[in-house]
């Protein structure tokens, strides 16, 4: 994560956007008076949005946590639905 001022962001916009899209880092743009904006890549935004959706209901959260525990314990099932 990197923080910068609005004027520095404007001056080096390509550098900051490359940093965000190529390195999947976050840039915080300080705008003064306790105001700021965050720049993230579209891939990261989509990932956050999907995670938010998957965790949006208690039932889904519970199911996902149970699945993670099963995986950690080695209780998995081979599935032939995916072709290699």
C-alpha atoms as a PDB file:
ATOM      1  CA  UNK A   1       0.000   0.000   0.000  1.00  0.00           C
ATOM      2  CA  UNK A   2       1.262   3.429  -0.889  1.00  0.00           C
ATOM      3  CA  UNK A   3      -0.077   6.861  -0.021  1.00  0.00           C
ATOM      4  CA  UNK A   4       0.382   9.981  -2.113  1.00  0.00           C
ATOM      5  CA  UNK A   5      -0.991  13.474  -2.508  1.00  0.00           C
ATOM      6  CA  UNK A   6      -3.416  14.494  -5.210  1.00  0.00           C
ATOM      7  CA  UNK A   7      -0.776  16.598  -6.956  1.00  0.00           C
ATOM      8  CA  UNK A   8       1.797  13.768  -6.941  1.00  0.00           C
ATOM      9  CA  UNK A   9      -0.819  11.339  -8.231  1.00  0.00           C
ATOM     10  CA  UNK A  10      -1.689  13.702 -11.079  1.00  0.00           C
ATOM     11  CA  UNK A  11       1.980  14.246 -11.897  1.00  0.00           C
ATOM     12  CA  UNK A  12       2.877  10.512 -11.922  1.00  0.00           C
ATOM     13  CA  UNK A  13      -0.488   8.951 -12.749  1.00  0.00           C
ATOM     14  CA  UNK A  14       0.958   6.337 -15.125  1.00  0.00           C
ATOM     15  CA  UNK A  15       3.462   5.199 -12.487  1.00  0.00           C
ATOM     16  CA  UNK A  16       0.750   4.819  -9.848  1.00  0.00           C
ATOM     17  CA  UNK A  17      -1.687   3.069 -12.178  1.00  0.00           C
ATOM     18  CA  UNK A  18       1.054   0.657 -13.297  1.00  0.00           C
ATOM     19  CA  UNK A  19       1.814  -0.011  -9.623  1.00  0.00           C
ATOM     20  CA  UNK A  20      -1.868  -0.770  -9.003  1.00  0.00           C
ATOM     21  CA  UNK A  21      -2.514  -2.937 -12.056  1.00  0.00           C
ATOM     22  CA  UNK A  22       0.801  -4.778 -12.371  1.00  0.00           C
ATOM     23  CA  UNK A  23       1.683  -5.282  -8.695  1.00  0.00           C
ATOM     24  CA  UNK A  24      -1.888  -5.497  -7.321  1.00  0.00           C
ATOM     25  CA  UNK A  25      -1.017  -2.839  -4.773  1.00  0.00           C
ATOM     26  CA  UNK A  26      -3.303  -0.180  -3.335  1.00  0.00           C
ATOM     27  CA  UNK A  27      -2.751   3.559  -3.686  1.00  0.00           C
ATOM     28  CA  UNK A  28      -4.336   5.977  -1.228  1.00  0.00           C
ATOM     29  CA  UNK A  29      -4.705   9.521  -2.520  1.00  0.00           C
ATOM     30  CA  UNK A  30      -4.847  12.039   0.318  1.00  0.00           C
ATOM     31  CA  UNK A  31      -7.082  14.966  -0.551  1.00  0.00           C
ATOM     32  CA  UNK A  32      -6.749  16.991   2.629  1.00  0.00           C
ATOM     33  CA  UNK A  33      -9.229  17.691   5.420  1.00  0.00           C
ATOM     34  CA  UNK A  34      -9.469  13.986   6.330  1.00  0.00           C
ATOM     35  CA  UNK A  35     -10.580  13.056   2.820  1.00  0.00           C
ATOM     36  CA  UNK A  36      -8.953  10.329   0.771  1.00  0.00           C
ATOM     37  CA  UNK A  37      -9.588   8.043  -2.180  1.00  0.00           C
ATOM     38  CA  UNK A  38      -8.359   4.508  -2.816  1.00  0.00           C
ATOM     39  CA  UNK A  39      -7.223   3.188  -6.203  1.00  0.00           C
ATOM     40  CA  UNK A  40      -7.176  -0.569  -6.798  1.00  0.00           C
ATOM     41  CA  UNK A  41      -7.040  -2.691  -9.932  1.00  0.00           C
ATOM     42  CA  UNK A  42     -10.225  -3.952 -11.565  1.00  0.00           C
ATOM     43  CA  UNK A  43      -9.120  -7.544 -10.843  1.00  0.00           C
ATOM     44  CA  UNK A  44      -8.758  -6.749  -7.140  1.00  0.00           C
ATOM     45  CA  UNK A  45     -12.090  -4.913  -7.084  1.00  0.00           C
ATOM     46  CA  UNK A  46     -13.820  -7.895  -8.717  1.00  0.00           C
ATOM     47  CA  UNK A  47     -12.180 -10.240  -6.201  1.00  0.00           C
ATOM     48  CA  UNK A  48     -13.358  -8.118  -3.247  1.00  0.00           C
ATOM     49  CA  UNK A  49     -16.851  -7.924  -4.719  1.00  0.00           C
ATOM     50  CA  UNK A  50     -17.032 -11.697  -5.191  1.00  0.00           C
ATOM     51  CA  UNK A  51     -15.789 -12.328  -1.645  1.00  0.00           C
ATOM     52  CA  UNK A  52     -18.346  -9.886  -0.270  1.00  0.00           C
ATOM     53  CA  UNK A  53     -21.090 -11.707  -2.179  1.00  0.00           C
ATOM     54  CA  UNK A  54     -19.923 -15.160  -1.048  1.00  0.00           C
ATOM     55  CA  UNK A  55     -19.886 -14.048   2.579  1.00  0.00           C
ATOM     56  CA  UNK A  56     -23.149 -12.094   2.374  1.00  0.00           C
ATOM     57  CA  UNK A  57     -25.333 -14.740   4.014  1.00  0.00           C
ATOM     58  CA  UNK A  58     -24.836 -16.650   7.243  1.00  0.00           C
ATOM     59  CA  UNK A  59     -25.640 -19.968   5.552  1.00  0.00           C
ATOM     60  CA  UNK A  60     -23.043 -19.427   2.835  1.00  0.00           C
ATOM     61  CA  UNK A  61     -20.388 -18.300   5.348  1.00  0.00           C
ATOM     62  CA  UNK A  62     -21.027 -21.434   7.416  1.00  0.00           C
ATOM     63  CA  UNK A  63     -20.855 -23.689   4.357  1.00  0.00           C
ATOM     64  CA  UNK A  64     -17.584 -22.110   3.179  1.00  0.00           C
ATOM     65  CA  UNK A  65     -15.971 -22.400   6.627  1.00  0.00           C
ATOM     66  CA  UNK A  66     -17.002 -26.060   6.855  1.00  0.00           C
ATOM     67  CA  UNK A  67     -15.521 -26.700   3.403  1.00  0.00           C
ATOM     68  CA  UNK A  68     -12.240 -25.041   4.400  1.00  0.00           C
ATOM     69  CA  UNK A  69     -12.039 -27.213   7.537  1.00  0.00           C
ATOM     70  CA  UNK A  70     -12.759 -30.345   5.498  1.00  0.00           C
ATOM     71  CA  UNK A  71      -9.973 -29.433   3.094  1.00  0.00           C
ATOM     72  CA  UNK A  72      -7.507 -28.836   5.944  1.00  0.00           C
ATOM     73  CA  UNK A  73      -8.400 -32.210   7.415  1.00  0.00           C
ATOM     74  CA  UNK A  74      -7.975 -33.934   4.048  1.00  0.00           C
ATOM     75  CA  UNK A  75     -11.640 -34.827   3.785  1.00  0.00           C
ATOM     76  CA  UNK A  76     -12.035 -34.144   0.075  1.00  0.00           C
ATOM     77  CA  UNK A  77     -13.803 -35.896  -2.779  1.00  0.00           C
ATOM     78  CA  UNK A  78     -12.339 -36.422  -6.225  1.00  0.00           C
ATOM     79  CA  UNK A  79     -14.686 -35.010  -8.821  1.00  0.00           C
ATOM     80  CA  UNK A  80     -14.670 -35.883 -12.505  1.00  0.00           C
ATOM     81  CA  UNK A  81     -16.728 -32.846 -13.503  1.00  0.00           C
ATOM     82  CA  UNK A  82     -13.670 -30.897 -14.606  1.00  0.00           C
ATOM     83  CA  UNK A  83     -11.962 -32.128 -17.744  1.00  0.00           C
ATOM     84  CA  UNK A  84      -8.203 -31.838 -17.913  1.00  0.00           C
END
